[in-house]
């Protein structure tokens, strides 16, 4: 996963719009758009600002990890119940999550 995809996925997992993240990161919306679309490779200072806006450490953006699912608010809310489940139920949940679409269509509000 590229850093641009990771930033976008983390932003979407937090239900933030691009303008909201740009404001929280103190960078221009156009600059964030260029970073998220891969048109611009951000420097360390920009990555630090974006990480701060996302509420994550810089290391989260520069290390390889595919755990964006753990950033989802629903997943965070149910993690305390996972130890109570049997192995069979945990495997069922894991298979269900793996089968779920990675992106959901956006519907007009």
PDB file of N, CA and C in Angstrom:
ATOM      1  N   UNK A   1       0.851  -1.171   0.000  1.00  0.00           N
ATOM      2  CA  UNK A   1       0.000   0.000   0.000  1.00  0.00           C
ATOM      3  C   UNK A   1       0.899   1.237   0.000  1.00  0.00           C
ATOM      4  N   UNK A   2       0.604   2.168  -0.887  1.00  0.00           N
ATOM      5  CA  UNK A   2       1.390   3.396  -0.961  1.00  0.00           C
ATOM      6  C   UNK A   2       0.987   4.346   0.160  1.00  0.00           C
ATOM      7  N   UNK A   3       1.852   5.300   0.439  1.00  0.00           N
ATOM      8  CA  UNK A   3       1.547   6.265   1.500  1.00  0.00           C
ATOM      9  C   UNK A   3       0.314   7.082   1.123  1.00  0.00           C
ATOM     10  N   UNK A   4       0.131   7.369  -0.165  1.00  0.00           N
ATOM     11  CA  UNK A   4      -1.053   8.128  -0.586  1.00  0.00           C
ATOM     12  C   UNK A   4      -2.332   7.339  -0.319  1.00  0.00           C
ATOM     13  N   UNK A   5      -2.319   6.049  -0.622  1.00  0.00           N
ATOM     14  CA  UNK A   5      -3.496   5.212  -0.335  1.00  0.00           C
ATOM     15  C   UNK A   5      -3.728   5.074   1.155  1.00  0.00           C
ATOM     16  N   UNK A   6      -2.663   4.946   1.913  1.00  0.00           N
ATOM     17  CA  UNK A   6      -2.780   4.810   3.361  1.00  0.00           C
ATOM     18  C   UNK A   6      -3.397   6.062   3.975  1.00  0.00           C
ATOM     19  N   UNK A   7      -2.943   7.221   3.551  1.00  0.00           N
ATOM     20  CA  UNK A   7      -3.496   8.483   4.074  1.00  0.00           C
ATOM     21  C   UNK A   7      -4.978   8.568   3.760  1.00  0.00           C
ATOM     22  N   UNK A   8      -5.353   8.273   2.525  1.00  0.00           N
ATOM     23  CA  UNK A   8      -6.763   8.328   2.140  1.00  0.00           C
ATOM     24  C   UNK A   8      -7.587   7.319   2.948  1.00  0.00           C
ATOM     25  N   UNK A   9      -7.077   6.088   3.089  1.00  0.00           N
ATOM     26  CA  UNK A   9      -7.815   5.069   3.836  1.00  0.00           C
ATOM     27  C   UNK A   9      -7.965   5.440   5.307  1.00  0.00           C
ATOM     28  N   UNK A  10      -6.916   5.980   5.910  1.00  0.00           N
ATOM     29  CA  UNK A  10      -7.005   6.405   7.310  1.00  0.00           C
ATOM     30  C   UNK A  10      -7.990   7.565   7.466  1.00  0.00           C
ATOM     31  N   UNK A  11      -7.971   8.494   6.517  1.00  0.00           N
ATOM     32  CA  UNK A  11      -8.910   9.617   6.557  1.00  0.00           C
ATOM     33  C   UNK A  11     -10.346   9.120   6.454  1.00  0.00           C
ATOM     34  N   UNK A  12     -10.588   8.220   5.506  1.00  0.00           N
ATOM     35  CA  UNK A  12     -11.936   7.694   5.321  1.00  0.00           C
ATOM     36  C   UNK A  12     -12.377   6.835   6.506  1.00  0.00           C
ATOM     37  N   UNK A  13     -11.457   6.114   7.130  1.00  0.00           N
ATOM     38  CA  UNK A  13     -11.790   5.306   8.295  1.00  0.00           C
ATOM     39  C   UNK A  13     -12.237   6.185   9.458  1.00  0.00           C
ATOM     40  N   UNK A  14     -11.797   7.433   9.452  1.00  0.00           N
ATOM     41  CA  UNK A  14     -12.185   8.375  10.500  1.00  0.00           C
ATOM     42  C   UNK A  14     -13.365   9.240  10.073  1.00  0.00           C
ATOM     43  N   UNK A  15     -13.954   8.928   8.924  1.00  0.00           N
ATOM     44  CA  UNK A  15     -15.088   9.682   8.369  1.00  0.00           C
ATOM     45  C   UNK A  15     -14.764  11.169   8.227  1.00  0.00           C
ATOM     46  N   UNK A  16     -13.550  11.442   7.817  1.00  0.00           N
ATOM     47  CA  UNK A  16     -13.133  12.828   7.607  1.00  0.00           C
ATOM     48  C   UNK A  16     -13.146  13.138   6.120  1.00  0.00           C
ATOM     49  N   UNK A  17     -13.503  14.361   5.802  1.00  0.00           N
ATOM     50  CA  UNK A  17     -13.406  14.808   4.421  1.00  0.00           C
ATOM     51  C   UNK A  17     -11.988  15.308   4.182  1.00  0.00           C
ATOM     52  N   UNK A  18     -11.645  15.468   2.929  1.00  0.00           N
ATOM     53  CA  UNK A  18     -10.313  15.980   2.608  1.00  0.00           C
ATOM     54  C   UNK A  18     -10.131  17.400   3.164  1.00  0.00           C
ATOM     55  N   UNK A  19     -11.138  18.301   3.020  1.00  0.00           N
ATOM     56  CA  UNK A  19     -10.973  19.637   3.608  1.00  0.00           C
ATOM     57  C   UNK A  19     -10.805  19.603   5.138  1.00  0.00           C
ATOM     58  N   UNK A  20     -11.480  18.681   5.795  1.00  0.00           N
ATOM     59  CA  UNK A  20     -11.329  18.582   7.249  1.00  0.00           C
ATOM     60  C   UNK A  20      -9.911  18.169   7.624  1.00  0.00           C
ATOM     61  N   UNK A  21      -9.385  17.164   6.925  1.00  0.00           N
ATOM     62  CA  UNK A  21      -8.022  16.726   7.224  1.00  0.00           C
ATOM     63  C   UNK A  21      -7.018  17.813   6.878  1.00  0.00           C
ATOM     64  N   UNK A  22      -7.226  18.512   5.773  1.00  0.00           N
ATOM     65  CA  UNK A  22      -6.311  19.595   5.399  1.00  0.00           C
ATOM     66  C   UNK A  22      -6.281  20.668   6.491  1.00  0.00           C
ATOM     67  N   UNK A  23      -7.445  21.024   7.006  1.00  0.00           N
ATOM     68  CA  UNK A  23      -7.512  22.038   8.062  1.00  0.00           C
ATOM     69  C   UNK A  23      -6.831  21.547   9.340  1.00  0.00           C
ATOM     70  N   UNK A  24      -7.095  20.293   9.717  1.00  0.00           N
ATOM     71  CA  UNK A  24      -6.485  19.738  10.932  1.00  0.00           C
ATOM     72  C   UNK A  24      -4.976  19.569  10.779  1.00  0.00           C
ATOM     73  N   UNK A  25      -4.521  19.410   9.542  1.00  0.00           N
ATOM     74  CA  UNK A  25      -3.092  19.208   9.280  1.00  0.00           C
ATOM     75  C   UNK A  25      -2.357  20.505   8.972  1.00  0.00           C
ATOM     76  N   UNK A  26      -3.111  21.584   8.837  1.00  0.00           N
ATOM     77  CA  UNK A  26      -2.528  22.896   8.479  1.00  0.00           C
ATOM     78  C   UNK A  26      -1.782  22.852   7.146  1.00  0.00           C
ATOM     79  N   UNK A  27      -2.400  22.175   6.177  1.00  0.00           N
ATOM     80  CA  UNK A  27      -1.857  22.191   4.811  1.00  0.00           C
ATOM     81  C   UNK A  27      -2.994  22.541   3.859  1.00  0.00           C
ATOM     82  N   UNK A  28      -2.650  22.988   2.676  1.00  0.00           N
ATOM     83  CA  UNK A  28      -3.662  23.370   1.688  1.00  0.00           C
ATOM     84  C   UNK A  28      -4.421  22.140   1.187  1.00  0.00           C
ATOM     85  N   UNK A  29      -5.702  22.336   0.888  1.00  0.00           N
ATOM     86  CA  UNK A  29      -6.521  21.229   0.358  1.00  0.00           C
ATOM     87  C   UNK A  29      -5.944  20.688  -0.934  1.00  0.00           C
ATOM     88  N   UNK A  30      -5.467  21.571  -1.796  1.00  0.00           N
ATOM     89  CA  UNK A  30      -4.890  21.132  -3.074  1.00  0.00           C
ATOM     90  C   UNK A  30      -3.631  20.299  -2.845  1.00  0.00           C
ATOM     91  N   UNK A  31      -2.872  20.668  -1.835  1.00  0.00           N
ATOM     92  CA  UNK A  31      -1.656  19.916  -1.507  1.00  0.00           C
ATOM     93  C   UNK A  31      -2.030  18.518  -1.021  1.00  0.00           C
ATOM     94  N   UNK A  32      -3.026  18.436  -0.145  1.00  0.00           N
ATOM     95  CA  UNK A  32      -3.481  17.129   0.344  1.00  0.00           C
ATOM     96  C   UNK A  32      -4.040  16.295  -0.802  1.00  0.00           C
ATOM     97  N   UNK A  33      -4.791  16.914  -1.705  1.00  0.00           N
ATOM     98  CA  UNK A  33      -5.320  16.196  -2.867  1.00  0.00           C
ATOM     99  C   UNK A  33      -4.175  15.608  -3.678  1.00  0.00           C
ATOM    100  N   UNK A  34      -3.142  16.401  -3.904  1.00  0.00           N
ATOM    101  CA  UNK A  34      -1.998  15.934  -4.690  1.00  0.00           C
ATOM    102  C   UNK A  34      -1.288  14.768  -3.996  1.00  0.00           C
ATOM    103  N   UNK A  35      -1.210  14.818  -2.675  1.00  0.00           N
ATOM    104  CA  UNK A  35      -0.584  13.727  -1.922  1.00  0.00           C
ATOM    105  C   UNK A  35      -1.448  12.468  -2.006  1.00  0.00           C
ATOM    106  N   UNK A  36      -2.760  12.611  -1.751  1.00  0.00           N
ATOM    107  CA  UNK A  36      -3.662  11.444  -1.755  1.00  0.00           C
ATOM    108  C   UNK A  36      -3.792  10.788  -3.119  1.00  0.00           C
ATOM    109  N   UNK A  37      -3.676  11.549  -4.159  1.00  0.00           N
ATOM    110  CA  UNK A  37      -3.813  10.984  -5.510  1.00  0.00           C
ATOM    111  C   UNK A  37      -2.482  10.509  -6.075  1.00  0.00           C
ATOM    112  N   UNK A  38      -1.406  10.695  -5.317  1.00  0.00           N
ATOM    113  CA  UNK A  38      -0.105  10.244  -5.770  1.00  0.00           C
ATOM    114  C   UNK A  38       0.570  11.160  -6.767  1.00  0.00           C
ATOM    115  N   UNK A  39       0.028  12.349  -6.963  1.00  0.00           N
ATOM    116  CA  UNK A  39       0.614  13.302  -7.901  1.00  0.00           C
ATOM    117  C   UNK A  39       1.826  14.001  -7.296  1.00  0.00           C
ATOM    118  N   UNK A  40       1.941  13.953  -5.966  1.00  0.00           N
ATOM    119  CA  UNK A  40       3.025  14.620  -5.258  1.00  0.00           C
ATOM    120  C   UNK A  40       3.507  13.704  -4.137  1.00  0.00           C
ATOM    121  N   UNK A  41       4.801  13.567  -4.008  1.00  0.00           N
ATOM    122  CA  UNK A  41       5.378  12.771  -2.927  1.00  0.00           C
ATOM    123  C   UNK A  41       5.690  13.713  -1.765  1.00  0.00           C
ATOM    124  N   UNK A  42       5.037  13.498  -0.620  1.00  0.00           N
ATOM    125  CA  UNK A  42       5.211  14.433   0.495  1.00  0.00           C
ATOM    126  C   UNK A  42       6.562  14.268   1.169  1.00  0.00           C
ATOM    127  N   UNK A  43       7.054  15.379   1.705  1.00  0.00           N
ATOM    128  CA  UNK A  43       8.275  15.347   2.487  1.00  0.00           C
ATOM    129  C   UNK A  43       7.950  14.968   3.928  1.00  0.00           C
ATOM    130  N   UNK A  44       8.967  14.853   4.720  1.00  0.00           N
ATOM    131  CA  UNK A  44       8.804  14.454   6.112  1.00  0.00           C
ATOM    132  C   UNK A  44       7.957  15.452   6.899  1.00  0.00           C
ATOM    133  N   UNK A  45       8.165  16.751   6.661  1.00  0.00           N
ATOM    134  CA  UNK A  45       7.390  17.769   7.378  1.00  0.00           C
ATOM    135  C   UNK A  45       5.905  17.650   7.059  1.00  0.00           C
ATOM    136  N   UNK A  46       5.583  17.415   5.799  1.00  0.00           N
ATOM    137  CA  UNK A  46       4.178  17.246   5.401  1.00  0.00           C
ATOM    138  C   UNK A  46       3.595  15.984   6.010  1.00  0.00           C
ATOM    139  N   UNK A  47       4.343  14.901   5.995  1.00  0.00           N
ATOM    140  CA  UNK A  47       3.868  13.657   6.602  1.00  0.00           C
ATOM    141  C   UNK A  47       3.610  13.834   8.099  1.00  0.00           C
ATOM    142  N   UNK A  48       4.466  14.597   8.770  1.00  0.00           N
ATOM    143  CA  UNK A  48       4.256  14.860  10.201  1.00  0.00           C
ATOM    144  C   UNK A  48       2.953  15.619  10.426  1.00  0.00           C
ATOM    145  N   UNK A  49       2.682  16.603   9.583  1.00  0.00           N
ATOM    146  CA  UNK A  49       1.436  17.381   9.704  1.00  0.00           C
ATOM    147  C   UNK A  49       0.213  16.498   9.452  1.00  0.00           C
ATOM    148  N   UNK A  50       0.287  15.681   8.428  1.00  0.00           N
ATOM    149  CA  UNK A  50      -0.840  14.800   8.098  1.00  0.00           C
ATOM    150  C   UNK A  50      -1.055  13.773   9.205  1.00  0.00           C
ATOM    151  N   UNK A  51       0.028  13.197   9.706  1.00  0.00           N
ATOM    152  CA  UNK A  51      -0.082  12.231  10.808  1.00  0.00           C
ATOM    153  C   UNK A  51      -0.750  12.881  12.017  1.00  0.00           C
ATOM    154  N   UNK A  52      -0.357  14.098  12.320  1.00  0.00           N
ATOM    155  CA  UNK A  52      -0.963  14.821  13.438  1.00  0.00           C
ATOM    156  C   UNK A  52      -2.450  15.052  13.190  1.00  0.00           C
ATOM    157  N   UNK A  53      -2.797  15.444  11.967  1.00  0.00           N
ATOM    158  CA  UNK A  53      -4.202  15.668  11.619  1.00  0.00           C
ATOM    159  C   UNK A  53      -5.031  14.403  11.707  1.00  0.00           C
ATOM    160  N   UNK A  54      -4.410  13.268  11.422  1.00  0.00           N
ATOM    161  CA  UNK A  54      -5.103  11.977  11.509  1.00  0.00           C
ATOM    162  C   UNK A  54      -5.116  11.426  12.934  1.00  0.00           C
ATOM    163  N   UNK A  55      -4.298  12.007  13.796  1.00  0.00           N
ATOM    164  CA  UNK A  55      -4.217  11.512  15.174  1.00  0.00           C
ATOM    165  C   UNK A  55      -3.409  10.235  15.297  1.00  0.00           C
ATOM    166  N   UNK A  56      -2.432  10.066  14.422  1.00  0.00           N
ATOM    167  CA  UNK A  56      -1.552   8.895  14.473  1.00  0.00           C
ATOM    168  C   UNK A  56      -0.113   9.376  14.546  1.00  0.00           C
ATOM    169  N   UNK A  57       0.768   8.499  14.923  1.00  0.00           N
ATOM    170  CA  UNK A  57       2.181   8.828  14.923  1.00  0.00           C
ATOM    171  C   UNK A  57       2.747   8.765  13.518  1.00  0.00           C
ATOM    172  N   UNK A  58       3.819   9.485  13.299  1.00  0.00           N
ATOM    173  CA  UNK A  58       4.469   9.495  11.986  1.00  0.00           C
ATOM    174  C   UNK A  58       4.865   8.086  11.558  1.00  0.00           C
ATOM    175  N   UNK A  59       5.265   7.271  12.500  1.00  0.00           N
ATOM    176  CA  UNK A  59       5.689   5.901  12.190  1.00  0.00           C
ATOM    177  C   UNK A  59       4.577   5.122  11.496  1.00  0.00           C
ATOM    178  N   UNK A  60       3.327   5.460  11.796  1.00  0.00           N
ATOM    179  CA  UNK A  60       2.168   4.772  11.184  1.00  0.00           C
ATOM    180  C   UNK A  60       2.139   4.993   9.678  1.00  0.00           C
ATOM    181  N   UNK A  61       2.629   6.143   9.228  1.00  0.00           N
ATOM    182  CA  UNK A  61       2.600   6.458   7.802  1.00  0.00           C
ATOM    183  C   UNK A  61       3.825   5.948   7.053  1.00  0.00           C
ATOM    184  N   UNK A  62       4.917   5.711   7.756  1.00  0.00           N
ATOM    185  CA  UNK A  62       6.142   5.343   7.047  1.00  0.00           C
ATOM    186  C   UNK A  62       6.532   3.878   7.219  1.00  0.00           C
ATOM    187  N   UNK A  63       5.753   3.125   7.972  1.00  0.00           N
ATOM    188  CA  UNK A  63       6.024   1.690   8.074  1.00  0.00           C
ATOM    189  C   UNK A  63       4.952   0.928   7.321  1.00  0.00           C
ATOM    190  N   UNK A  64       5.319  -0.227   6.834  1.00  0.00           N
ATOM    191  CA  UNK A  64       4.377  -1.038   6.073  1.00  0.00           C
ATOM    192  C   UNK A  64       3.427  -1.759   7.024  1.00  0.00           C
ATOM    193  N   UNK A  65       2.142  -1.495   6.851  1.00  0.00           N
ATOM    194  CA  UNK A  65       1.116  -2.134   7.680  1.00  0.00           C
ATOM    195  C   UNK A  65      -0.194  -2.098   6.930  1.00  0.00           C
ATOM    196  N   UNK A  66      -0.929  -3.186   6.980  1.00  0.00           N
ATOM    197  CA  UNK A  66      -2.237  -3.251   6.321  1.00  0.00           C
ATOM    198  C   UNK A  66      -3.363  -3.315   7.337  1.00  0.00           C
ATOM    199  N   UNK A  67      -3.174  -2.704   8.489  1.00  0.00           N
ATOM    200  CA  UNK A  67      -4.163  -2.810   9.555  1.00  0.00           C
ATOM    201  C   UNK A  67      -5.133  -1.638   9.599  1.00  0.00           C
ATOM    202  N   UNK A  68      -5.475  -1.069   8.443  1.00  0.00           N
ATOM    203  CA  UNK A  68      -6.411   0.044   8.399  1.00  0.00           C
ATOM    204  C   UNK A  68      -7.767  -0.381   8.943  1.00  0.00           C
ATOM    205  N   UNK A  69      -8.118  -1.647   8.787  1.00  0.00           N
ATOM    206  CA  UNK A  69      -9.390  -2.136   9.316  1.00  0.00           C
ATOM    207  C   UNK A  69      -9.508  -1.875  10.814  1.00  0.00           C
ATOM    208  N   UNK A  70      -8.404  -1.955  11.515  1.00  0.00           N
ATOM    209  CA  UNK A  70      -8.420  -1.713  12.958  1.00  0.00           C
ATOM    210  C   UNK A  70      -8.695  -0.261  13.299  1.00  0.00           C
ATOM    211  N   UNK A  71      -8.620   0.634  12.315  1.00  0.00           N
ATOM    212  CA  UNK A  71      -8.902   2.051  12.529  1.00  0.00           C
ATOM    213  C   UNK A  71     -10.398   2.341  12.464  1.00  0.00           C
ATOM    214  N   UNK A  72     -11.173   1.418  11.927  1.00  0.00           N
ATOM    215  CA  UNK A  72     -12.603   1.622  11.759  1.00  0.00           C
ATOM    216  C   UNK A  72     -13.281   1.786  13.120  1.00  0.00           C
ATOM    217  N   UNK A  73     -14.150   2.807  13.282  1.00  0.00           N
ATOM    218  CA  UNK A  73     -14.808   3.024  14.572  1.00  0.00           C
ATOM    219  C   UNK A  73     -15.632   1.829  15.045  1.00  0.00           C
ATOM    220  N   UNK A  74     -16.318   1.146  14.130  1.00  0.00           N
ATOM    221  CA  UNK A  74     -17.110  -0.019  14.534  1.00  0.00           C
ATOM    222  C   UNK A  74     -16.207  -1.132  15.053  1.00  0.00           C
ATOM    223  N   UNK A  75     -15.129  -1.404  14.335  1.00  0.00           N
ATOM    224  CA  UNK A  75     -14.206  -2.462  14.757  1.00  0.00           C
ATOM    225  C   UNK A  75     -13.620  -2.121  16.124  1.00  0.00           C
ATOM    226  N   UNK A  76     -13.263  -0.852  16.333  1.00  0.00           N
ATOM    227  CA  UNK A  76     -12.752  -0.436  17.643  1.00  0.00           C
ATOM    228  C   UNK A  76     -13.780  -0.688  18.742  1.00  0.00           C
ATOM    229  N   UNK A  77     -15.057  -0.469  18.431  1.00  0.00           N
ATOM    230  CA  UNK A  77     -16.091  -0.615  19.463  1.00  0.00           C
ATOM    231  C   UNK A  77     -16.356  -2.069  19.838  1.00  0.00           C
ATOM    232  N   UNK A  78     -16.055  -3.013  18.966  1.00  0.00           N
ATOM    233  CA  UNK A  78     -16.336  -4.419  19.273  1.00  0.00           C
ATOM    234  C   UNK A  78     -15.109  -5.215  19.713  1.00  0.00           C
ATOM    235  N   UNK A  79     -13.928  -4.616  19.667  1.00  0.00           N
ATOM    236  CA  UNK A  79     -12.724  -5.375  20.002  1.00  0.00           C
ATOM    237  C   UNK A  79     -12.724  -5.884  21.439  1.00  0.00           C
ATOM    238  N   UNK A  80     -13.385  -5.178  22.344  1.00  0.00           N
ATOM    239  CA  UNK A  80     -13.415  -5.650  23.728  1.00  0.00           C
ATOM    240  C   UNK A  80     -14.216  -6.945  23.880  1.00  0.00           C
ATOM    241  N   UNK A  81     -15.091  -7.243  22.941  1.00  0.00           N
ATOM    242  CA  UNK A  81     -15.904  -8.457  23.017  1.00  0.00           C
ATOM    243  C   UNK A  81     -15.240  -9.676  22.382  1.00  0.00           C
ATOM    244  N   UNK A  82     -14.212  -9.456  21.582  1.00  0.00           N
ATOM    245  CA  UNK A  82     -13.571 -10.560  20.865  1.00  0.00           C
ATOM    246  C   UNK A  82     -13.024 -11.655  21.778  1.00  0.00           C
ATOM    247  N   UNK A  83     -12.410 -11.327  22.914  1.00  0.00           N
ATOM    248  CA  UNK A  83     -11.906 -12.416  23.771  1.00  0.00           C
ATOM    249  C   UNK A  83     -13.003 -13.343  24.292  1.00  0.00           C
ATOM    250  N   UNK A  84     -14.234 -12.882  24.310  1.00  0.00           N
ATOM    251  CA  UNK A  84     -15.351 -13.689  24.810  1.00  0.00           C
ATOM    252  C   UNK A  84     -15.873 -14.688  23.780  1.00  0.00           C
ATOM    253  N   UNK A  85     -15.447 -14.524  22.519  1.00  0.00           N
ATOM    254  CA  UNK A  85     -15.949 -15.382  21.454  1.00  0.00           C
ATOM    255  C   UNK A  85     -15.127 -16.660  21.339  1.00  0.00           C
ATOM    256  N   UNK A  86     -15.777 -17.692  20.837  1.00  0.00           N
ATOM    257  CA  UNK A  86     -15.063 -18.941  20.588  1.00  0.00           C
ATOM    258  C   UNK A  86     -14.194 -18.777  19.347  1.00  0.00           C
ATOM    259  N   UNK A  87     -13.264 -19.672  19.161  1.00  0.00           N
ATOM    260  CA  UNK A  87     -12.389 -19.639  17.989  1.00  0.00           C
ATOM    261  C   UNK A  87     -13.226 -19.741  16.716  1.00  0.00           C
ATOM    262  N   UNK A  88     -14.246 -20.572  16.747  1.00  0.00           N
ATOM    263  CA  UNK A  88     -15.111 -20.736  15.575  1.00  0.00           C
ATOM    264  C   UNK A  88     -15.796 -19.419  15.217  1.00  0.00           C
ATOM    265  N   UNK A  89     -16.288 -18.696  16.213  1.00  0.00           N
ATOM    266  CA  UNK A  89     -16.948 -17.415  15.949  1.00  0.00           C
ATOM    267  C   UNK A  89     -15.948 -16.371  15.448  1.00  0.00           C
ATOM    268  N   UNK A  90     -14.751 -16.358  15.995  1.00  0.00           N
ATOM    269  CA  UNK A  90     -13.730 -15.414  15.534  1.00  0.00           C
ATOM    270  C   UNK A  90     -13.378 -15.671  14.075  1.00  0.00           C
ATOM    271  N   UNK A  91     -13.237 -16.940  13.710  1.00  0.00           N
ATOM    272  CA  UNK A  91     -12.923 -17.280  12.318  1.00  0.00           C
ATOM    273  C   UNK A  91     -14.062 -16.875  11.386  1.00  0.00           C
ATOM    274  N   UNK A  92     -15.291 -17.048  11.834  1.00  0.00           N
ATOM    275  CA  UNK A  92     -16.446 -16.644  11.034  1.00  0.00           C
ATOM    276  C   UNK A  92     -16.425 -15.132  10.801  1.00  0.00           C
ATOM    277  N   UNK A  93     -16.142 -14.371  11.844  1.00  0.00           N
ATOM    278  CA  UNK A  93     -16.082 -12.912  11.716  1.00  0.00           C
ATOM    279  C   UNK A  93     -14.945 -12.513  10.783  1.00  0.00           C
ATOM    280  N   UNK A  94     -13.795 -13.152  10.927  1.00  0.00           N
ATOM    281  CA  UNK A  94     -12.657 -12.846  10.070  1.00  0.00           C
ATOM    282  C   UNK A  94     -12.984 -13.118   8.604  1.00  0.00           C
ATOM    283  N   UNK A  95     -13.609 -14.250   8.317  1.00  0.00           N
ATOM    284  CA  UNK A  95     -13.985 -14.569   6.937  1.00  0.00           C
ATOM    285  C   UNK A  95     -14.990 -13.565   6.396  1.00  0.00           C
ATOM    286  N   UNK A  96     -15.923 -13.142   7.230  1.00  0.00           N
ATOM    287  CA  UNK A  96     -16.920 -12.154   6.815  1.00  0.00           C
ATOM    288  C   UNK A  96     -16.258 -10.825   6.475  1.00  0.00           C
ATOM    289  N   UNK A  97     -15.330 -10.379   7.319  1.00  0.00           N
ATOM    290  CA  UNK A  97     -14.633  -9.122   7.065  1.00  0.00           C
ATOM    291  C   UNK A  97     -13.762  -9.202   5.822  1.00  0.00           C
ATOM    292  N   UNK A  98     -13.132 -10.340   5.597  1.00  0.00           N
ATOM    293  CA  UNK A  98     -12.295 -10.497   4.408  1.00  0.00           C
ATOM    294  C   UNK A  98     -13.132 -10.494   3.138  1.00  0.00           C
ATOM    295  N   UNK A  99     -14.360 -10.964   3.220  1.00  0.00           N
ATOM    296  CA  UNK A  99     -15.234 -11.003   2.050  1.00  0.00           C
ATOM    297  C   UNK A  99     -15.903  -9.653   1.782  1.00  0.00           C
ATOM    298  N   UNK A 100     -15.879  -8.767   2.768  1.00  0.00           N
ATOM    299  CA  UNK A 100     -16.532  -7.460   2.610  1.00  0.00           C
ATOM    300  C   UNK A 100     -15.780  -6.631   1.580  1.00  0.00           C
ATOM    301  N   UNK A 101     -16.505  -5.782   0.858  1.00  0.00           N
ATOM    302  CA  UNK A 101     -15.827  -4.931  -0.122  1.00  0.00           C
ATOM    303  C   UNK A 101     -14.877  -3.964   0.580  1.00  0.00           C
ATOM    304  N   UNK A 102     -13.772  -3.660  -0.082  1.00  0.00           N
ATOM    305  CA  UNK A 102     -12.781  -2.752   0.497  1.00  0.00           C
ATOM    306  C   UNK A 102     -13.284  -1.318   0.503  1.00  0.00           C
ATOM    307  N   UNK A 103     -14.055  -0.975  -0.486  1.00  0.00           N
ATOM    308  CA  UNK A 103     -14.594   0.379  -0.599  1.00  0.00           C
ATOM    309  C   UNK A 103     -16.101   0.274  -0.746  1.00  0.00           C
ATOM    310  N   UNK A 104     -16.798   1.182  -0.118  1.00  0.00           N
ATOM    311  CA  UNK A 104     -18.243   1.215  -0.224  1.00  0.00           C
ATOM    312  C   UNK A 104     -18.632   2.380  -1.126  1.00  0.00           C
ATOM    313  N   UNK A 105     -19.676   2.193  -1.930  1.00  0.00           N
ATOM    314  CA  UNK A 105     -20.089   3.292  -2.806  1.00  0.00           C
ATOM    315  C   UNK A 105     -20.599   4.479  -1.976  1.00  0.00           C
ATOM    316  N   UNK A 106     -20.339   5.656  -2.458  1.00  0.00           N
ATOM    317  CA  UNK A 106     -20.818   6.856  -1.771  1.00  0.00           C
ATOM    318  C   UNK A 106     -22.187   7.200  -2.327  1.00  0.00           C
ATOM    319  N   UNK A 107     -23.119   7.469  -1.433  1.00  0.00           N
ATOM    320  CA  UNK A 107     -24.460   7.840  -1.833  1.00  0.00           C
ATOM    321  C   UNK A 107     -24.652   9.328  -1.577  1.00  0.00           C
ATOM    322  N   UNK A 108     -25.365  10.015  -2.442  1.00  0.00           N
ATOM    323  CA  UNK A 108     -25.607  11.453  -2.208  1.00  0.00           C
ATOM    324  C   UNK A 108     -26.419  11.628  -0.932  1.00  0.00           C
ATOM    325  N   UNK A 109     -26.113  12.693  -0.242  1.00  0.00           N
ATOM    326  CA  UNK A 109     -26.831  12.986   1.010  1.00  0.00           C
ATOM    327  C   UNK A 109     -28.029  13.823   0.791  1.00  0.00           C
TER     328      UNK A 109
END
